[in-house]
Amino acid sequence: MLFSMTITFEWRGMVRNDEINQLHAEGFDHALVEVDWTDVLSRLSLGWVTARDDLGLVGFVNVLLRCMRFPSHQCRSNPTALASGGEP
């Protein structure tokens, strides 16, 4: 018998550290580690997409900006400023 499940995707959807920690541990097959993902996201992420079903978080994609420049032109501030047209 087939069943129907609705998955909802949301740009910058609300997410809790415990949800991402559990998803990361299961997805990458390692022991549960407590990471402050909300801090990481606020400092380094351009955005993220959450995927949820009726039971909770089932997927997460993080969009990062990694600066790759010559040493004389390295990022000197928050990388999200670059994406928004701010100063490097």
PDB file of N, CA and C in Angstrom:
ATOM      1  N   MET A   1       0.835  -1.188   0.000  1.00  0.00           N
ATOM      2  CA  MET A   1       0.000   0.000   0.000  1.00  0.00           C
ATOM      3  C   MET A   1       0.875   1.245   0.000  1.00  0.00           C
ATOM      4  N   LEU A   2       0.548   2.165  -0.859  1.00  0.00           N
ATOM      5  CA  LEU A   2       1.267   3.427  -0.917  1.00  0.00           C
ATOM      6  C   LEU A   2       0.652   4.412   0.063  1.00  0.00           C
ATOM      7  N   PHE A   3       1.487   5.306   0.557  1.00  0.00           N
ATOM      8  CA  PHE A   3       0.968   6.343   1.449  1.00  0.00           C
ATOM      9  C   PHE A   3       1.404   7.697   0.930  1.00  0.00           C
ATOM     10  N   SER A   4       0.719   8.706   1.362  1.00  0.00           N
ATOM     11  CA  SER A   4       1.005  10.068   0.925  1.00  0.00           C
ATOM     12  C   SER A   4       1.597  10.853   2.089  1.00  0.00           C
ATOM     13  N   MET A   5       2.687  11.557   1.801  1.00  0.00           N
ATOM     14  CA  MET A   5       3.304  12.390   2.825  1.00  0.00           C
ATOM     15  C   MET A   5       3.589  13.754   2.206  1.00  0.00           C
ATOM     16  N   THR A   6       3.221  14.777   2.896  1.00  0.00           N
ATOM     17  CA  THR A   6       3.472  16.123   2.420  1.00  0.00           C
ATOM     18  C   THR A   6       4.738  16.655   3.075  1.00  0.00           C
ATOM     19  N   ILE A   7       5.655  17.134   2.252  1.00  0.00           N
ATOM     20  CA  ILE A   7       6.863  17.770   2.758  1.00  0.00           C
ATOM     21  C   ILE A   7       6.796  19.233   2.374  1.00  0.00           C
ATOM     22  N   THR A   8       7.023  20.090   3.352  1.00  0.00           N
ATOM     23  CA  THR A   8       6.974  21.529   3.149  1.00  0.00           C
ATOM     24  C   THR A   8       8.384  22.090   3.195  1.00  0.00           C
ATOM     25  N   PHE A   9       8.733  22.883   2.189  1.00  0.00           N
ATOM     26  CA  PHE A   9      10.041  23.518   2.115  1.00  0.00           C
ATOM     27  C   PHE A   9       9.886  24.993   2.458  1.00  0.00           C
ATOM     28  N   GLU A  10      10.845  25.511   3.224  1.00  0.00           N
ATOM     29  CA  GLU A  10      10.760  26.922   3.608  1.00  0.00           C
ATOM     30  C   GLU A  10      12.153  27.545   3.615  1.00  0.00           C
ATOM     31  N   TRP A  11      12.281  28.682   2.912  1.00  0.00           N
ATOM     32  CA  TRP A  11      13.521  29.450   2.905  1.00  0.00           C
ATOM     33  C   TRP A  11      13.679  30.122   4.264  1.00  0.00           C
ATOM     34  N   ARG A  12      14.830  29.892   4.904  1.00  0.00           N
ATOM     35  CA  ARG A  12      15.136  30.416   6.234  1.00  0.00           C
ATOM     36  C   ARG A  12      14.069  30.020   7.258  1.00  0.00           C
ATOM     37  N   GLY A  13      13.579  28.803   7.117  1.00  0.00           N
ATOM     38  CA  GLY A  13      12.578  28.297   8.058  1.00  0.00           C
ATOM     39  C   GLY A  13      13.142  28.169   9.467  1.00  0.00           C
ATOM     40  N   MET A  14      12.277  28.303  10.451  1.00  0.00           N
ATOM     41  CA  MET A  14      12.670  28.184  11.847  1.00  0.00           C
ATOM     42  C   MET A  14      13.225  26.790  12.091  1.00  0.00           C
ATOM     43  N   VAL A  15      14.349  26.733  12.786  1.00  0.00           N
ATOM     44  CA  VAL A  15      14.968  25.448  13.078  1.00  0.00           C
ATOM     45  C   VAL A  15      15.654  25.540  14.446  1.00  0.00           C
ATOM     46  N   ARG A  16      15.623  24.426  15.160  1.00  0.00           N
ATOM     47  CA  ARG A  16      16.253  24.374  16.494  1.00  0.00           C
ATOM     48  C   ARG A  16      17.551  23.573  16.412  1.00  0.00           C
ATOM     49  N   ASN A  17      18.486  23.910  17.282  1.00  0.00           N
ATOM     50  CA  ASN A  17      19.767  23.207  17.321  1.00  0.00           C
ATOM     51  C   ASN A  17      19.590  21.703  17.461  1.00  0.00           C
ATOM     52  N   ASP A  18      18.703  21.276  18.358  1.00  0.00           N
ATOM     53  CA  ASP A  18      18.538  19.833  18.579  1.00  0.00           C
ATOM     54  C   ASP A  18      18.057  19.119  17.317  1.00  0.00           C
ATOM     55  N   GLU A  19      17.237  19.787  16.501  1.00  0.00           N
ATOM     56  CA  GLU A  19      16.753  19.179  15.260  1.00  0.00           C
ATOM     57  C   GLU A  19      17.891  18.980  14.257  1.00  0.00           C
ATOM     58  N   ILE A  20      18.706  20.021  14.068  1.00  0.00           N
ATOM     59  CA  ILE A  20      19.797  19.916  13.102  1.00  0.00           C
ATOM     60  C   ILE A  20      20.852  18.943  13.607  1.00  0.00           C
ATOM     61  N   ASN A  21      21.145  18.977  14.897  1.00  0.00           N
ATOM     62  CA  ASN A  21      22.132  18.047  15.450  1.00  0.00           C
ATOM     63  C   ASN A  21      21.714  16.597  15.212  1.00  0.00           C
ATOM     64  N   GLN A  22      20.451  16.295  15.431  1.00  0.00           N
ATOM     65  CA  GLN A  22      19.950  14.934  15.216  1.00  0.00           C
ATOM     66  C   GLN A  22      20.000  14.564  13.737  1.00  0.00           C
ATOM     67  N   LEU A  23      19.544  15.463  12.895  1.00  0.00           N
ATOM     68  CA  LEU A  23      19.552  15.220  11.454  1.00  0.00           C
ATOM     69  C   LEU A  23      20.980  15.014  10.945  1.00  0.00           C
ATOM     70  N   HIS A  24      21.912  15.834  11.405  1.00  0.00           N
ATOM     71  CA  HIS A  24      23.306  15.724  10.994  1.00  0.00           C
ATOM     72  C   HIS A  24      23.901  14.390  11.431  1.00  0.00           C
ATOM     73  N   ALA A  25      23.647  13.997  12.675  1.00  0.00           N
ATOM     74  CA  ALA A  25      24.173  12.721  13.184  1.00  0.00           C
ATOM     75  C   ALA A  25      23.641  11.536  12.377  1.00  0.00           C
ATOM     76  N   GLU A  26      22.356  11.532  12.088  1.00  0.00           N
ATOM     77  CA  GLU A  26      21.769  10.435  11.313  1.00  0.00           C
ATOM     78  C   GLU A  26      22.219  10.480   9.852  1.00  0.00           C
ATOM     79  N   GLY A  27      22.253  11.662   9.270  1.00  0.00           N
ATOM     80  CA  GLY A  27      22.607  11.799   7.867  1.00  0.00           C
ATOM     81  C   GLY A  27      24.059  11.482   7.561  1.00  0.00           C
ATOM     82  N   PHE A  28      24.951  11.788   8.513  1.00  0.00           N
ATOM     83  CA  PHE A  28      26.374  11.556   8.296  1.00  0.00           C
ATOM     84  C   PHE A  28      26.907  10.413   9.151  1.00  0.00           C
ATOM     85  N   ASP A  29      25.993   9.664   9.747  1.00  0.00           N
ATOM     86  CA  ASP A  29      26.319   8.442  10.477  1.00  0.00           C
ATOM     87  C   ASP A  29      27.419   8.639  11.520  1.00  0.00           C
ATOM     88  N   HIS A  30      27.160   9.550  12.455  1.00  0.00           N
ATOM     89  CA  HIS A  30      28.094   9.761  13.555  1.00  0.00           C
ATOM     90  C   HIS A  30      27.310   9.967  14.841  1.00  0.00           C
ATOM     91  N   ALA A  31      28.021   9.948  15.954  1.00  0.00           N
ATOM     92  CA  ALA A  31      27.379  10.157  17.252  1.00  0.00           C
ATOM     93  C   ALA A  31      26.796  11.567  17.326  1.00  0.00           C
ATOM     94  N   LEU A  32      25.762  11.717  18.112  1.00  0.00           N
ATOM     95  CA  LEU A  32      25.134  13.016  18.312  1.00  0.00           C
ATOM     96  C   LEU A  32      26.127  13.979  18.962  1.00  0.00           C
ATOM     97  N   VAL A  33      26.307  15.141  18.353  1.00  0.00           N
ATOM     98  CA  VAL A  33      27.200  16.177  18.856  1.00  0.00           C
ATOM     99  C   VAL A  33      26.380  17.449  19.017  1.00  0.00           C
ATOM    100  N   GLU A  34      26.576  18.139  20.124  1.00  0.00           N
ATOM    101  CA  GLU A  34      25.848  19.379  20.370  1.00  0.00           C
ATOM    102  C   GLU A  34      26.582  20.546  19.703  1.00  0.00           C
ATOM    103  N   VAL A  35      25.999  21.072  18.624  1.00  0.00           N
ATOM    104  CA  VAL A  35      26.544  22.219  17.910  1.00  0.00           C
ATOM    105  C   VAL A  35      25.518  23.342  17.989  1.00  0.00           C
ATOM    106  N   ASP A  36      25.990  24.562  18.201  1.00  0.00           N
ATOM    107  CA  ASP A  36      25.094  25.717  18.227  1.00  0.00           C
ATOM    108  C   ASP A  36      24.879  26.199  16.794  1.00  0.00           C
ATOM    109  N   TRP A  37      23.991  25.515  16.088  1.00  0.00           N
ATOM    110  CA  TRP A  37      23.748  25.820  14.684  1.00  0.00           C
ATOM    111  C   TRP A  37      23.146  27.202  14.488  1.00  0.00           C
ATOM    112  N   THR A  38      22.346  27.671  15.410  1.00  0.00           N
ATOM    113  CA  THR A  38      21.757  29.006  15.235  1.00  0.00           C
ATOM    114  C   THR A  38      22.850  30.069  15.214  1.00  0.00           C
ATOM    115  N   ASP A  39      23.908  29.872  15.999  1.00  0.00           N
ATOM    116  CA  ASP A  39      25.039  30.802  15.973  1.00  0.00           C
ATOM    117  C   ASP A  39      25.784  30.691  14.645  1.00  0.00           C
ATOM    118  N   VAL A  40      26.053  29.474  14.209  1.00  0.00           N
ATOM    119  CA  VAL A  40      26.754  29.250  12.937  1.00  0.00           C
ATOM    120  C   VAL A  40      25.971  29.876  11.786  1.00  0.00           C
ATOM    121  N   LEU A  41      24.667  29.649  11.763  1.00  0.00           N
ATOM    122  CA  LEU A  41      23.834  30.192  10.689  1.00  0.00           C
ATOM    123  C   LEU A  41      23.832  31.715  10.703  1.00  0.00           C
ATOM    124  N   SER A  42      23.747  32.318  11.885  1.00  0.00           N
ATOM    125  CA  SER A  42      23.683  33.775  11.957  1.00  0.00           C
ATOM    126  C   SER A  42      24.999  34.427  11.526  1.00  0.00           C
ATOM    127  N   ARG A  43      26.122  33.735  11.708  1.00  0.00           N
ATOM    128  CA  ARG A  43      27.423  34.301  11.362  1.00  0.00           C
ATOM    129  C   ARG A  43      27.882  33.985   9.939  1.00  0.00           C
ATOM    130  N   LEU A  44      27.569  32.802   9.441  1.00  0.00           N
ATOM    131  CA  LEU A  44      28.212  32.332   8.214  1.00  0.00           C
ATOM    132  C   LEU A  44      27.277  31.980   7.069  1.00  0.00           C
ATOM    133  N   SER A  45      26.000  31.975   7.301  1.00  0.00           N
ATOM    134  CA  SER A  45      25.082  31.482   6.287  1.00  0.00           C
ATOM    135  C   SER A  45      24.413  32.617   5.516  1.00  0.00           C
ATOM    136  N   LEU A  46      24.314  32.417   4.214  1.00  0.00           N
ATOM    137  CA  LEU A  46      23.519  33.331   3.394  1.00  0.00           C
ATOM    138  C   LEU A  46      22.044  33.003   3.521  1.00  0.00           C
ATOM    139  N   GLY A  47      21.755  31.765   3.854  1.00  0.00           N
ATOM    140  CA  GLY A  47      20.380  31.312   4.010  1.00  0.00           C
ATOM    141  C   GLY A  47      20.354  29.805   4.086  1.00  0.00           C
ATOM    142  N   TRP A  48      19.169  29.257   4.257  1.00  0.00           N
ATOM    143  CA  TRP A  48      19.004  27.815   4.351  1.00  0.00           C
ATOM    144  C   TRP A  48      17.577  27.461   3.963  1.00  0.00           C
ATOM    145  N   VAL A  49      17.398  26.203   3.664  1.00  0.00           N
ATOM    146  CA  VAL A  49      16.067  25.690   3.346  1.00  0.00           C
ATOM    147  C   VAL A  49      15.790  24.538   4.299  1.00  0.00           C
ATOM    148  N   THR A  50      14.631  24.581   4.936  1.00  0.00           N
ATOM    149  CA  THR A  50      14.202  23.477   5.786  1.00  0.00           C
ATOM    150  C   THR A  50      13.163  22.660   5.033  1.00  0.00           C
ATOM    151  N   ALA A  51      13.167  21.370   5.313  1.00  0.00           N
ATOM    152  CA  ALA A  51      12.159  20.459   4.766  1.00  0.00           C
ATOM    153  C   ALA A  51      11.498  19.769   5.954  1.00  0.00           C
ATOM    154  N   ARG A  52      10.175  19.857   6.055  1.00  0.00           N
ATOM    155  CA  ARG A  52       9.444  19.294   7.179  1.00  0.00           C
ATOM    156  C   ARG A  52       8.271  18.467   6.690  1.00  0.00           C
ATOM    157  N   ASP A  53       8.018  17.382   7.444  1.00  0.00           N
ATOM    158  CA  ASP A  53       6.774  16.645   7.247  1.00  0.00           C
ATOM    159  C   ASP A  53       5.949  16.809   8.514  1.00  0.00           C
ATOM    160  N   ASP A  54       4.932  16.006   8.676  1.00  0.00           N
ATOM    161  CA  ASP A  54       4.060  16.137   9.842  1.00  0.00           C
ATOM    162  C   ASP A  54       4.776  15.855  11.163  1.00  0.00           C
ATOM    163  N   LEU A  55       5.886  15.128  11.106  1.00  0.00           N
ATOM    164  CA  LEU A  55       6.600  14.747  12.324  1.00  0.00           C
ATOM    165  C   LEU A  55       7.746  15.681  12.682  1.00  0.00           C
ATOM    166  N   GLY A  56       8.170  16.528  11.743  1.00  0.00           N
ATOM    167  CA  GLY A  56       9.253  17.455  12.053  1.00  0.00           C
ATOM    168  C   GLY A  56      10.243  17.616  10.918  1.00  0.00           C
ATOM    169  N   LEU A  57      11.454  18.026  11.266  1.00  0.00           N
ATOM    170  CA  LEU A  57      12.505  18.302  10.294  1.00  0.00           C
ATOM    171  C   LEU A  57      12.985  17.011   9.627  1.00  0.00           C
ATOM    172  N   VAL A  58      12.970  16.981   8.297  1.00  0.00           N
ATOM    173  CA  VAL A  58      13.440  15.811   7.554  1.00  0.00           C
ATOM    174  C   VAL A  58      14.561  16.163   6.590  1.00  0.00           C
ATOM    175  N   GLY A  59      14.861  17.452   6.447  1.00  0.00           N
ATOM    176  CA  GLY A  59      15.933  17.868   5.559  1.00  0.00           C
ATOM    177  C   GLY A  59      16.344  19.294   5.830  1.00  0.00           C
ATOM    178  N   PHE A  60      17.585  19.598   5.488  1.00  0.00           N
ATOM    179  CA  PHE A  60      18.134  20.933   5.732  1.00  0.00           C
ATOM    180  C   PHE A  60      19.265  21.179   4.744  1.00  0.00           C
ATOM    181  N   VAL A  61      19.244  22.333   4.080  1.00  0.00           N
ATOM    182  CA  VAL A  61      20.311  22.735   3.168  1.00  0.00           C
ATOM    183  C   VAL A  61      20.788  24.109   3.593  1.00  0.00           C
ATOM    184  N   ASN A  62      22.094  24.237   3.792  1.00  0.00           N
ATOM    185  CA  ASN A  62      22.695  25.498   4.192  1.00  0.00           C
ATOM    186  C   ASN A  62      23.425  26.097   2.997  1.00  0.00           C
ATOM    187  N   VAL A  63      23.254  27.400   2.789  1.00  0.00           N
ATOM    188  CA  VAL A  63      23.927  28.104   1.702  1.00  0.00           C
ATOM    189  C   VAL A  63      25.010  28.976   2.320  1.00  0.00           C
ATOM    190  N   LEU A  64      26.255  28.579   2.113  1.00  0.00           N
ATOM    191  CA  LEU A  64      27.397  29.285   2.679  1.00  0.00           C
ATOM    192  C   LEU A  64      28.106  30.098   1.622  1.00  0.00           C
ATOM    193  N   LEU A  65      28.824  31.115   2.074  1.00  0.00           N
ATOM    194  CA  LEU A  65      29.712  31.863   1.198  1.00  0.00           C
ATOM    195  C   LEU A  65      31.127  31.596   1.678  1.00  0.00           C
ATOM    196  N   ARG A  66      31.902  30.987   0.836  1.00  0.00           N
ATOM    197  CA  ARG A  66      33.308  30.730   1.146  1.00  0.00           C
ATOM    198  C   ARG A  66      34.140  31.694   0.306  1.00  0.00           C
ATOM    199  N   CYS A  67      34.888  32.541   0.967  1.00  0.00           N
ATOM    200  CA  CYS A  67      35.737  33.499   0.257  1.00  0.00           C
ATOM    201  C   CYS A  67      36.988  32.797  -0.241  1.00  0.00           C
ATOM    202  N   MET A  68      37.250  32.937  -1.526  1.00  0.00           N
ATOM    203  CA  MET A  68      38.474  32.395  -2.113  1.00  0.00           C
ATOM    204  C   MET A  68      39.083  33.509  -2.945  1.00  0.00           C
ATOM    205  N   ARG A  69      39.993  34.237  -2.305  1.00  0.00           N
ATOM    206  CA  ARG A  69      40.639  35.359  -2.965  1.00  0.00           C
ATOM    207  C   ARG A  69      42.133  35.298  -2.716  1.00  0.00           C
ATOM    208  N   PHE A  70      42.850  36.169  -3.417  1.00  0.00           N
ATOM    209  CA  PHE A  70      44.264  36.318  -3.121  1.00  0.00           C
ATOM    210  C   PHE A  70      44.402  36.871  -1.710  1.00  0.00           C
ATOM    211  N   PRO A  71      45.480  36.525  -1.001  1.00  0.00           N
ATOM    212  CA  PRO A  71      45.649  36.984   0.388  1.00  0.00           C
ATOM    213  C   PRO A  71      45.499  38.495   0.571  1.00  0.00           C
ATOM    214  N   SER A  72      45.887  39.265  -0.416  1.00  0.00           N
ATOM    215  CA  SER A  72      45.767  40.725  -0.294  1.00  0.00           C
ATOM    216  C   SER A  72      44.324  41.214  -0.351  1.00  0.00           C
ATOM    217  N   HIS A  73      43.394  40.320  -0.701  1.00  0.00           N
ATOM    218  CA  HIS A  73      41.991  40.710  -0.822  1.00  0.00           C
ATOM    219  C   HIS A  73      41.073  39.800  -0.016  1.00  0.00           C
ATOM    220  N   GLN A  74      41.543  39.295   1.114  1.00  0.00           N
ATOM    221  CA  GLN A  74      40.735  38.412   1.943  1.00  0.00           C
ATOM    222  C   GLN A  74      39.554  39.160   2.553  1.00  0.00           C
ATOM    223  N   CYS A  75      38.511  38.412   2.877  1.00  0.00           N
ATOM    224  CA  CYS A  75      37.343  38.993   3.543  1.00  0.00           C
ATOM    225  C   CYS A  75      37.768  39.547   4.890  1.00  0.00           C
ATOM    226  N   ARG A  76      37.312  40.717   5.199  1.00  0.00           N
ATOM    227  CA  ARG A  76      37.664  41.334   6.471  1.00  0.00           C
ATOM    228  C   ARG A  76      36.472  41.497   7.400  1.00  0.00           C
ATOM    229  N   SER A  77      35.319  41.079   6.959  1.00  0.00           N
ATOM    230  CA  SER A  77      34.128  41.239   7.795  1.00  0.00           C
ATOM    231  C   SER A  77      33.191  40.071   7.535  1.00  0.00           C
ATOM    232  N   ASN A  78      31.967  40.204   8.004  1.00  0.00           N
ATOM    233  CA  ASN A  78      30.952  39.171   7.858  1.00  0.00           C
ATOM    234  C   ASN A  78      30.728  38.849   6.387  1.00  0.00           C
ATOM    235  N   PRO A  79      30.870  37.572   5.994  1.00  0.00           N
ATOM    236  CA  PRO A  79      30.709  37.228   4.573  1.00  0.00           C
ATOM    237  C   PRO A  79      29.329  37.523   4.023  1.00  0.00           C
ATOM    238  N   THR A  80      28.308  37.587   4.862  1.00  0.00           N
ATOM    239  CA  THR A  80      26.988  37.890   4.338  1.00  0.00           C
ATOM    240  C   THR A  80      26.910  39.312   3.816  1.00  0.00           C
ATOM    241  N   ALA A  81      27.816  40.206   4.287  1.00  0.00           N
ATOM    242  CA  ALA A  81      27.849  41.563   3.769  1.00  0.00           C
ATOM    243  C   ALA A  81      28.222  41.573   2.308  1.00  0.00           C
ATOM    244  N   LEU A  82      29.118  40.673   1.888  1.00  0.00           N
ATOM    245  CA  LEU A  82      29.497  40.591   0.489  1.00  0.00           C
ATOM    246  C   LEU A  82      28.310  40.240  -0.393  1.00  0.00           C
ATOM    247  N   ALA A  83      27.519  39.301   0.055  1.00  0.00           N
ATOM    248  CA  ALA A  83      26.379  38.853  -0.733  1.00  0.00           C
ATOM    249  C   ALA A  83      25.319  39.924  -0.850  1.00  0.00           C
ATOM    250  N   SER A  84      25.233  40.787   0.149  1.00  0.00           N
ATOM    251  CA  SER A  84      24.206  41.817   0.127  1.00  0.00           C
ATOM    252  C   SER A  84      24.722  43.130  -0.459  1.00  0.00           C
ATOM    253  N   GLY A  85      25.969  43.111  -0.971  1.00  0.00           N
ATOM    254  CA  GLY A  85      26.514  44.301  -1.589  1.00  0.00           C
ATOM    255  C   GLY A  85      27.239  45.194  -0.615  1.00  0.00           C
ATOM    256  N   GLY A  86      27.459  44.737   0.605  1.00  0.00           N
ATOM    257  CA  GLY A  86      28.165  45.529   1.607  1.00  0.00           C
ATOM    258  C   GLY A  86      29.649  45.467   1.410  1.00  0.00           C
ATOM    259  N   GLU A  87      30.381  46.086   2.316  1.00  0.00           N
ATOM    260  CA  GLU A  87      31.834  46.127   2.239  1.00  0.00           C
ATOM    261  C   GLU A  87      32.447  44.788   2.599  1.00  0.00           C
ATOM    262  N   PRO A  88      33.538  44.396   1.946  1.00  0.00           N
ATOM    263  CA  PRO A  88      34.224  43.136   2.282  1.00  0.00           C
ATOM    264  C   PRO A  88      34.924  43.212   3.627  1.00  0.00           C
TER     265      PRO A  88
END
